[in-house]
Amino acid sequence: MHKKRSTKYTTRFILPALALLALLLVASVGIALATGAVGTAAGFEDDDGNLAPDPADINFDWNSFAPTTWMGTAPYRQSDALVSGWTFKGIEDAQATTSDTAFAGGVKQDDSCPTVNTGKAPNKDDLKRIYLATKVVGGHTYLMLSWVRIPQNTTSPSAHIGFEFNKGTDGACGGSSDGLVKRVAGDMLIVYDFEGGATDTPVITLRRWVTSGTCEVGSKSPPCWGPATNLSALGFAEAKVNTFGSVDDAIAPSPTESLGTNEFGEAGIDLTDAGVFTAGTCESFGTAFGVSRSSGNSGTAQMKDLVGPADFTLANCGTVIIRKVTDPSGDTTTSFSYSTDATTDNGNSVSDFSLKDGESNTINNVDPGTGLNVTEADPGPDYKLTDIDCSASDSTVSYSTDTTTRAVTFDIAATETLDCTFTNTLQR
């Protein structure tokens, strides 16, 4: 005669075993239990190790940008998109070939305007693509980044990827630097270090280019990369690698691509909390590139595979566009003058400008502010301003127009764009 199993036995042994099994199943299929604090605040699933939006979570991930259009010639195409306020950039790279863009042997992360040539990267350092995305949410500038590499030939390959963001104010390096720009004070380097184990958590660190002060490498003197800040330890960044199996990439240049274990990594960063962007201060980066590295040591790591560079605007500044139309159209001789009290790059005045029919003027890096205006000088007696038609990139941009004072008055915040067309009608 069989004894009836006691409730006490079931509670003590069976239920804990089932709970452990459930956790193992979650880990094996890569289901994130919850998005971290950075991704939650930004509204982006930045640390689940996959690209698929999860309806049970935030429901916005890399595949939310699909479908995307890749422009240029393979294998160096690029893709741009704007979805739900997120600005996206995809940069493609050659793979598993000796014609791949690479840094010259011995080039270190601290080397400015280094030599770029061709070469085949080691398996773990051979990148297919990098993805970048940025958005301002609640006054904080967020950066999402990810990398895709070729199939791996070991079970626990490490990944050391540098993402460099340049202001580009001093122009191109020229020579053999293949499109890289000259570094200036404040340029930013974000390093993604993953040691390769299934339970390892990637570490995200930040460095700024300095022209005076302390270098990360003690034997160096400025200009150099300054000391590293561990954003992961401070809670300003979170990251994940797909150590649990394959994931689908719907924004790849080809139809949806299946990425195997350890072929994809992502991270989310709060650049405002990290001190890169501060309230009321305009900061702007215009280009970006990715590079695989031999190790996690920034100063002495050798740079391997190069992805990019490419134009990518990472900023907490606004943009104002003024366009001119005449009625009747076609007056290419009359100039209409404009002035503005908006400032750029932390307080720099904007020079007065003139436009003819069909012309436009873009004011970049506008400092966030309220009650700003752009005003047209009196066009009389030949012309009269009859209309000011504006559109904004975001519903939070507030503006009003007045044809009597010939002005548009507006409030603008980081990454927002105001686009206005001034129409003047011929009077005689």
Protein backbone atom coordinates (compact mmCIF):
# COMPACT_ATOMS: atom_id res chain seq x y z
CA MET A 1 0.00 0.00 0.00
CA HIS A 2 1.43 3.36 -1.08
CA LYS A 3 1.67 6.17 1.41
CA LYS A 4 0.18 9.53 0.49
CA ARG A 5 2.95 12.12 -0.03
CA SER A 6 2.70 14.75 2.68
CA THR A 7 2.07 18.43 2.00
CA LYS A 8 5.15 19.19 4.08
CA TYR A 9 7.30 17.11 1.69
CA THR A 10 5.86 18.87 -1.35
CA THR A 11 6.49 22.31 0.13
CA ARG A 12 10.00 21.49 1.25
CA PHE A 13 11.33 19.74 -1.85
CA ILE A 14 9.06 19.90 -4.90
CA LEU A 15 8.20 23.62 -4.95
CA PRO A 16 11.79 24.88 -4.54
CA ALA A 17 12.87 22.51 -7.30
CA LEU A 18 10.17 23.84 -9.62
CA ALA A 19 11.19 27.41 -8.83
CA LEU A 20 14.82 26.61 -9.65
CA LEU A 21 13.76 24.94 -12.90
CA ALA A 22 11.76 28.05 -13.84
CA LEU A 23 14.78 30.27 -13.26
CA LEU A 24 16.95 27.99 -15.38
CA LEU A 25 14.40 28.08 -18.17
CA VAL A 26 14.29 31.86 -18.05
CA ALA A 27 18.06 32.04 -18.27
CA SER A 28 18.26 29.50 -21.08
CA VAL A 29 15.91 31.38 -23.39
CA GLY A 30 17.24 34.82 -22.47
CA ILE A 31 14.06 36.30 -21.09
CA ALA A 32 14.87 39.41 -19.05
CA LEU A 33 13.05 39.56 -15.74
CA ALA A 34 12.99 43.38 -15.89
CA THR A 35 14.70 46.25 -17.62
CA GLY A 36 17.18 48.09 -15.40
CA ALA A 37 16.81 51.59 -13.99
CA VAL A 38 18.44 53.36 -16.96
CA GLY A 39 16.34 51.59 -19.58
CA THR A 40 13.17 52.02 -17.53
CA ALA A 41 13.71 55.78 -17.29
CA ALA A 42 14.61 56.05 -20.97
CA GLY A 43 11.87 53.71 -22.21
CA PHE A 44 14.26 51.28 -23.93
CA GLU A 45 14.98 47.59 -23.21
CA ASP A 46 18.72 48.08 -22.96
CA ASP A 47 19.92 45.09 -20.95
CA ASP A 48 17.93 42.00 -21.95
CA GLY A 49 20.52 40.87 -24.50
CA ASN A 50 18.10 40.71 -27.42
CA LEU A 51 16.63 43.12 -29.98
CA ALA A 52 12.95 42.23 -29.69
CA PRO A 53 10.42 44.54 -28.00
CA ASP A 54 8.73 42.73 -25.11
CA PRO A 55 5.04 43.63 -24.63
CA ALA A 56 5.34 42.56 -21.00
CA ASP A 57 8.20 45.01 -20.46
CA ILE A 58 8.82 48.46 -21.99
CA ASN A 59 7.99 47.20 -25.50
CA PHE A 60 10.67 49.26 -27.26
CA ASP A 61 13.93 47.69 -28.36
CA TRP A 62 16.33 47.76 -31.33
CA ASN A 63 13.91 45.94 -33.65
CA SER A 64 11.44 48.78 -33.05
CA PHE A 65 13.46 50.70 -35.67
CA ALA A 66 12.68 48.07 -38.33
CA PRO A 67 12.26 48.22 -41.20
CA THR A 68 15.26 50.44 -41.92
CA THR A 69 16.82 51.50 -45.20
CA TRP A 70 20.56 50.99 -45.60
CA MET A 71 22.27 53.48 -47.90
CA GLY A 72 25.63 53.29 -49.62
CA THR A 73 27.65 50.37 -50.92
CA ALA A 74 27.99 47.07 -49.05
CA PRO A 75 29.77 46.23 -46.82
CA TYR A 76 30.03 49.83 -45.61
CA ARG A 77 26.37 50.92 -45.63
CA GLN A 78 24.65 53.13 -43.07
CA SER A 79 21.09 53.45 -41.85
CA ASP A 80 19.23 56.35 -40.19
CA ALA A 81 15.82 56.40 -38.57
CA LEU A 82 13.70 58.47 -36.21
CA VAL A 83 11.13 56.46 -34.24
CA SER A 84 9.21 57.61 -31.15
CA GLY A 85 11.70 60.40 -30.58
CA TRP A 86 14.71 58.06 -30.79
CA THR A 87 17.40 59.00 -33.33
CA PHE A 88 18.94 55.77 -34.70
CA LYS A 89 22.18 55.13 -36.59
CA GLY A 90 23.40 51.80 -37.97
CA ILE A 91 26.94 51.45 -39.33
CA GLU A 92 27.94 48.35 -41.32
CA ASP A 93 31.44 46.89 -41.63
CA ALA A 94 33.20 44.26 -43.72
CA GLN A 95 33.75 40.90 -42.06
CA ALA A 96 36.12 37.95 -42.28
CA THR A 97 38.22 39.53 -45.03
CA THR A 98 41.71 40.99 -45.38
CA SER A 99 40.16 44.05 -47.07
CA ASP A 100 38.33 45.08 -43.89
CA THR A 101 39.11 48.55 -42.50
CA ALA A 102 41.47 48.25 -39.53
CA PHE A 103 43.99 50.22 -37.54
CA ALA A 104 47.68 49.83 -38.27
CA GLY A 105 49.55 47.38 -36.08
CA GLY A 106 50.50 48.74 -32.68
CA VAL A 107 48.01 51.63 -32.71
CA LYS A 108 46.75 52.35 -29.18
CA GLN A 109 43.52 54.00 -28.02
CA ASP A 110 45.46 57.10 -26.95
CA ASP A 111 46.96 57.65 -30.41
CA SER A 112 45.35 60.67 -32.06
CA CYS A 113 44.74 60.59 -35.84
CA PRO A 114 46.14 57.03 -36.13
CA THR A 115 46.95 55.26 -39.37
CA VAL A 116 44.09 53.23 -40.85
CA ASN A 117 44.70 50.43 -43.34
CA THR A 118 43.16 47.06 -44.18
CA GLY A 119 43.39 43.70 -42.46
CA LYS A 120 41.45 40.75 -41.09
CA ALA A 121 40.58 41.07 -37.40
CA PRO A 122 40.83 38.13 -34.97
CA ASN A 123 37.59 36.15 -34.66
CA LYS A 124 36.42 37.70 -31.39
CA ASP A 125 37.29 41.22 -32.62
CA ASP A 126 35.64 41.04 -36.06
CA LEU A 127 32.62 43.36 -35.98
CA LYS A 128 29.72 43.26 -38.44
CA ARG A 129 27.87 46.37 -37.30
CA ILE A 130 27.31 48.85 -34.51
CA TYR A 131 23.99 50.47 -33.60
CA LEU A 132 23.52 53.82 -31.84
CA ALA A 133 20.37 55.55 -30.58
CA THR A 134 19.76 58.68 -28.52
CA LYS A 135 16.82 60.53 -26.99
CA VAL A 136 16.18 63.16 -24.33
CA VAL A 137 13.64 61.99 -21.72
CA GLY A 138 12.72 64.02 -18.65
CA GLY A 139 15.67 66.35 -19.17
CA HIS A 140 18.17 63.47 -19.35
CA THR A 141 20.11 62.60 -22.51
CA TYR A 142 20.24 58.83 -23.03
CA LEU A 143 22.55 56.87 -25.30
CA MET A 144 21.86 53.29 -26.34
CA LEU A 145 24.60 51.35 -28.12
CA SER A 146 25.13 47.81 -29.35
CA TRP A 147 27.53 45.71 -31.39
CA VAL A 148 27.22 42.67 -33.65
CA ARG A 149 30.16 40.40 -34.44
CA ILE A 150 30.80 37.32 -36.58
CA PRO A 151 30.07 33.74 -35.34
CA GLN A 152 32.47 32.78 -32.57
CA ASN A 153 34.86 29.83 -32.54
CA THR A 154 35.09 29.54 -28.73
CA THR A 155 32.42 29.04 -26.08
CA SER A 156 33.28 32.10 -23.98
CA PRO A 157 34.84 34.82 -26.16
CA SER A 158 35.50 38.15 -24.48
CA ALA A 159 34.49 41.43 -26.12
CA HIS A 160 36.24 44.78 -25.76
CA ILE A 161 34.58 47.46 -27.87
CA GLY A 162 35.29 51.19 -27.87
CA PHE A 163 32.68 53.71 -29.01
CA GLU A 164 34.26 57.09 -29.71
CA PHE A 165 32.24 60.29 -30.12
CA ASN A 166 33.94 63.37 -31.54
CA LYS A 167 32.92 67.00 -31.66
CA GLY A 168 34.82 67.39 -34.95
CA THR A 169 35.39 71.13 -34.53
CA ASP A 170 39.00 70.99 -35.75
CA GLY A 171 38.26 69.17 -39.00
CA ALA A 172 39.45 65.90 -40.47
CA CYS A 173 42.75 64.26 -39.61
CA GLY A 174 43.63 63.83 -43.27
CA GLY A 175 46.41 61.63 -44.59
CA SER A 176 46.00 57.93 -43.81
CA SER A 177 43.40 58.37 -41.06
CA ASP A 178 40.50 57.48 -43.40
CA GLY A 179 37.86 60.02 -42.36
CA LEU A 180 38.69 60.24 -38.65
CA VAL A 181 38.49 63.75 -37.18
CA LYS A 182 40.98 65.53 -34.96
CA ARG A 183 40.21 65.06 -31.28
CA VAL A 184 39.41 68.10 -29.17
CA ALA A 185 38.93 68.59 -25.45
CA GLY A 186 35.73 66.92 -24.30
CA ASP A 187 35.56 64.19 -26.94
CA MET A 188 34.12 61.03 -25.41
CA LEU A 189 35.19 57.38 -25.32
CA ILE A 190 32.84 54.71 -24.00
CA VAL A 191 34.35 51.25 -23.55
CA TYR A 192 32.30 48.05 -23.38
CA ASP A 193 34.21 45.26 -21.61
CA PHE A 194 32.84 41.72 -21.42
CA GLU A 195 35.05 38.91 -20.15
CA GLY A 196 33.16 36.11 -21.91
CA GLY A 197 31.55 34.02 -19.19
CA ALA A 198 27.84 33.21 -19.33
CA THR A 199 27.31 34.84 -15.93
CA ASP A 200 29.63 37.82 -16.53
CA THR A 201 28.07 41.28 -16.56
CA PRO A 202 29.61 43.75 -19.03
CA VAL A 203 31.31 46.81 -17.56
CA ILE A 204 30.80 50.22 -19.17
CA THR A 205 33.44 52.92 -18.60
CA LEU A 206 33.70 56.53 -19.77
CA ARG A 207 36.70 58.72 -20.63
CA ARG A 208 37.01 62.31 -21.91
CA TRP A 209 39.81 63.69 -24.09
CA VAL A 210 41.83 66.19 -22.04
CA THR A 211 44.43 68.75 -23.11
CA SER A 212 45.66 69.35 -19.57
CA GLY A 213 45.59 67.54 -16.27
CA THR A 214 45.76 63.80 -15.57
CA CYS A 215 45.93 61.01 -18.15
CA GLU A 216 44.53 57.52 -17.65
CA VAL A 217 47.98 56.13 -18.49
CA GLY A 218 50.39 57.56 -15.94
CA SER A 219 53.33 57.59 -18.35
CA LYS A 220 51.40 59.74 -20.83
CA SER A 221 51.12 63.51 -20.96
CA PRO A 222 48.19 65.51 -22.39
CA PRO A 223 46.54 65.50 -24.82
CA CYS A 224 45.25 62.07 -23.82
CA TRP A 225 42.25 60.16 -22.53
CA GLY A 226 41.59 61.20 -18.96
CA PRO A 227 40.93 58.81 -16.06
CA ALA A 228 38.15 56.25 -16.57
CA THR A 229 34.81 56.47 -14.79
CA ASN A 230 33.03 53.16 -14.14
CA LEU A 231 29.46 53.98 -15.15
CA SER A 232 28.23 50.47 -14.33
CA ALA A 233 29.40 50.70 -10.73
CA LEU A 234 27.77 54.12 -10.35
CA GLY A 235 24.44 52.90 -11.74
CA PHE A 236 24.60 55.21 -14.76
CA ALA A 237 24.87 52.34 -17.28
CA GLU A 238 23.64 48.78 -17.72
CA ALA A 239 24.49 46.17 -20.35
CA LYS A 240 23.98 42.59 -21.50
CA VAL A 241 25.41 40.08 -24.01
CA ASN A 242 23.29 37.30 -25.55
CA THR A 243 25.03 34.49 -23.69
CA PHE A 244 21.81 32.43 -23.69
CA GLY A 245 21.32 31.52 -27.38
CA SER A 246 20.39 33.04 -30.71
CA VAL A 247 18.47 36.31 -31.13
CA ASP A 248 16.83 37.83 -34.21
CA ASP A 249 18.10 41.10 -35.70
CA ALA A 250 15.36 42.71 -37.83
CA ILE A 251 17.33 45.90 -38.57
CA ALA A 252 20.23 44.10 -40.26
CA PRO A 253 20.86 45.06 -43.93
CA SER A 254 19.64 41.65 -45.06
CA PRO A 255 16.28 40.15 -44.07
CA THR A 256 16.02 39.28 -40.38
CA GLU A 257 19.34 37.79 -39.31
CA SER A 258 19.77 35.22 -36.57
CA LEU A 259 22.69 36.06 -34.25
CA GLY A 260 24.23 33.22 -32.30
CA THR A 261 25.41 33.11 -28.71
CA ASN A 262 27.90 35.88 -27.83
CA GLU A 263 27.36 37.66 -31.17
CA PHE A 264 25.35 40.59 -29.82
CA GLY A 265 25.84 43.02 -26.94
CA GLU A 266 23.98 46.15 -25.87
CA ALA A 267 24.12 48.90 -23.28
CA GLY A 268 22.14 51.90 -22.07
CA ILE A 269 23.75 55.02 -20.56
CA ASP A 270 22.36 58.08 -18.80
CA LEU A 271 24.79 60.72 -20.06
CA THR A 272 23.24 63.42 -17.88
CA ASP A 273 23.81 61.50 -14.65
CA ALA A 274 27.28 60.61 -15.96
CA GLY A 275 28.11 64.33 -16.16
CA VAL A 276 28.55 64.48 -19.94
CA PHE A 277 25.48 66.70 -20.34
CA THR A 278 24.35 69.24 -17.73
CA ALA A 279 21.13 71.23 -17.55
CA GLY A 280 21.29 74.56 -19.39
CA THR A 281 24.60 73.71 -21.03
CA CYS A 282 24.90 72.89 -24.71
CA GLU A 283 27.10 69.92 -25.58
CA SER A 284 27.23 68.36 -29.02
CA PHE A 285 29.05 65.50 -30.76
CA GLY A 286 28.85 65.11 -34.53
CA THR A 287 30.69 61.92 -35.50
CA ALA A 288 31.10 58.43 -34.08
CA PHE A 289 32.96 55.20 -34.75
CA GLY A 290 33.38 51.80 -33.16
CA VAL A 291 36.58 49.84 -32.64
CA SER A 292 37.32 46.39 -31.28
CA ARG A 293 40.25 46.23 -28.89
CA SER A 294 42.70 43.58 -27.74
CA SER A 295 41.82 44.05 -24.06
CA GLY A 296 39.94 46.17 -21.56
CA ASN A 297 42.90 48.41 -20.75
CA SER A 298 42.13 51.65 -22.58
CA GLY A 299 45.61 53.12 -22.74
CA THR A 300 47.58 50.05 -23.77
CA ALA A 301 44.96 48.03 -25.67
CA GLN A 302 45.70 47.65 -29.36
CA MET A 303 42.93 48.78 -31.67
CA LYS A 304 41.73 46.18 -34.15
CA ASP A 305 38.61 46.37 -36.35
CA LEU A 306 37.28 49.84 -37.29
CA VAL A 307 33.56 50.46 -37.88
CA GLY A 308 32.88 53.91 -39.32
CA PRO A 309 33.37 56.79 -38.78
CA ALA A 310 29.92 58.19 -39.54
CA ASP A 311 27.90 61.31 -38.83
CA PHE A 312 25.87 60.92 -35.64
CA THR A 313 24.45 63.82 -33.65
CA LEU A 314 24.55 63.28 -29.91
CA ALA A 315 23.54 66.51 -28.21
CA ASN A 316 21.42 68.31 -25.69
CA CYS A 317 21.06 71.37 -27.95
CA GLY A 318 18.24 72.46 -30.24
CA THR A 319 18.04 73.38 -33.92
CA VAL A 320 16.18 76.27 -35.58
CA ILE A 321 15.59 76.40 -39.33
CA ILE A 322 14.36 79.57 -41.06
CA ARG A 323 13.15 79.40 -44.68
CA LYS A 324 12.19 82.21 -47.09
CA VAL A 325 9.36 82.23 -49.65
CA THR A 326 8.15 85.17 -51.76
CA ASP A 327 4.77 85.61 -53.43
CA PRO A 328 5.03 85.63 -56.39
CA SER A 329 7.96 83.22 -56.24
CA GLY A 330 11.24 83.60 -58.04
CA ASP A 331 12.61 86.84 -56.54
CA THR A 332 16.28 85.99 -56.26
CA THR A 333 17.48 89.58 -55.93
CA THR A 334 15.67 90.87 -52.82
CA SER A 335 17.29 89.95 -49.50
CA PHE A 336 15.29 89.74 -46.27
CA SER A 337 17.19 90.26 -43.01
CA TYR A 338 16.76 88.32 -39.74
CA SER A 339 18.00 88.58 -36.18
CA THR A 340 17.60 86.32 -33.14
CA ASP A 341 18.24 86.42 -29.42
CA ALA A 342 18.85 82.67 -29.33
CA THR A 343 22.41 81.68 -28.43
CA THR A 344 24.52 78.67 -29.37
CA ASP A 345 27.27 76.60 -27.78
CA ASN A 346 26.70 77.97 -24.27
CA GLY A 347 26.08 81.66 -24.84
CA ASN A 348 27.53 82.54 -28.24
CA SER A 349 25.45 85.15 -30.09
CA VAL A 350 24.01 84.28 -33.49
CA SER A 351 24.96 86.71 -36.26
CA ASP A 352 22.22 88.41 -38.26
CA PHE A 353 21.58 86.70 -41.58
CA SER A 354 19.78 87.34 -44.88
CA LEU A 355 17.73 85.08 -47.11
CA LYS A 356 16.36 85.26 -50.64
CA ASP A 357 13.40 83.35 -52.07
CA GLY A 358 14.04 79.61 -51.80
CA GLU A 359 16.94 79.93 -49.34
CA SER A 360 17.15 78.71 -45.74
CA ASN A 361 19.40 79.11 -42.72
CA THR A 362 19.95 76.40 -40.08
CA ILE A 363 21.04 77.48 -36.60
CA ASN A 364 22.69 74.46 -34.97
CA ASN A 365 23.55 73.84 -31.32
CA VAL A 366 20.93 76.26 -29.99
CA ASP A 367 21.09 76.58 -26.22
CA PRO A 368 17.87 75.34 -24.58
CA GLY A 369 15.73 78.26 -23.47
CA THR A 370 12.32 79.92 -23.24
CA GLY A 371 10.89 83.08 -24.79
CA LEU A 372 13.42 83.07 -27.64
CA ASN A 373 12.64 84.67 -30.97
CA VAL A 374 13.68 85.08 -34.59
CA THR A 375 12.57 88.39 -36.11
CA GLU A 376 12.45 89.59 -39.70
CA ALA A 377 13.39 93.21 -40.41
CA ASP A 378 10.68 95.41 -41.99
CA PRO A 379 10.59 94.38 -45.69
CA GLY A 380 8.51 97.43 -46.76
CA PRO A 381 7.57 99.14 -48.83
CA ASP A 382 8.08 96.58 -51.60
CA TYR A 383 7.11 93.55 -49.52
CA LYS A 384 4.93 92.70 -46.54
CA LEU A 385 5.31 89.66 -44.26
CA THR A 386 2.01 87.81 -44.67
CA ASP A 387 2.61 84.41 -43.07
CA ILE A 388 4.88 82.52 -40.70
CA ASP A 389 4.31 78.77 -40.87
CA CYS A 390 6.18 76.60 -38.34
CA SER A 391 6.48 72.92 -37.55
CA ALA A 392 8.26 71.22 -34.66
CA SER A 393 10.02 67.90 -34.26
CA ASP A 394 8.35 67.29 -30.91
CA SER A 395 4.99 68.17 -29.39
CA THR A 396 6.77 69.72 -26.42
CA VAL A 397 8.15 72.58 -28.56
CA SER A 398 6.06 75.65 -27.78
CA TYR A 399 5.93 78.54 -30.27
CA SER A 400 3.78 81.45 -31.44
CA THR A 401 3.93 83.63 -34.54
CA ASP A 402 3.05 87.27 -35.14
CA THR A 403 3.16 88.80 -38.63
CA THR A 404 2.75 92.31 -37.16
CA THR A 405 5.98 92.10 -35.17
CA ARG A 406 7.37 89.75 -37.86
CA ALA A 407 8.58 87.28 -35.24
CA VAL A 408 8.31 83.70 -34.10
CA THR A 409 8.67 83.27 -30.33
CA PHE A 410 9.53 79.81 -29.01
CA ASP A 411 10.72 77.57 -26.19
CA ILE A 412 13.20 74.91 -27.23
CA ALA A 413 14.83 72.01 -25.40
CA ALA A 414 17.58 69.54 -26.12
CA THR A 415 17.47 67.73 -29.50
CA GLU A 416 14.30 69.58 -30.55
CA THR A 417 13.95 71.24 -33.97
CA LEU A 418 11.80 74.21 -34.95
CA ASP A 419 11.31 74.75 -38.71
CA CYS A 420 9.65 78.03 -39.84
CA THR A 421 8.86 79.44 -43.27
CA PHE A 422 8.46 83.22 -43.60
CA THR A 423 6.32 84.22 -46.61
CA ASN A 424 6.54 87.79 -47.99
CA THR A 425 3.99 89.11 -50.50
CA LEU A 426 4.96 91.69 -53.11
CA GLN A 427 3.11 95.00 -52.54
CA ARG A 428 4.08 96.93 -55.68
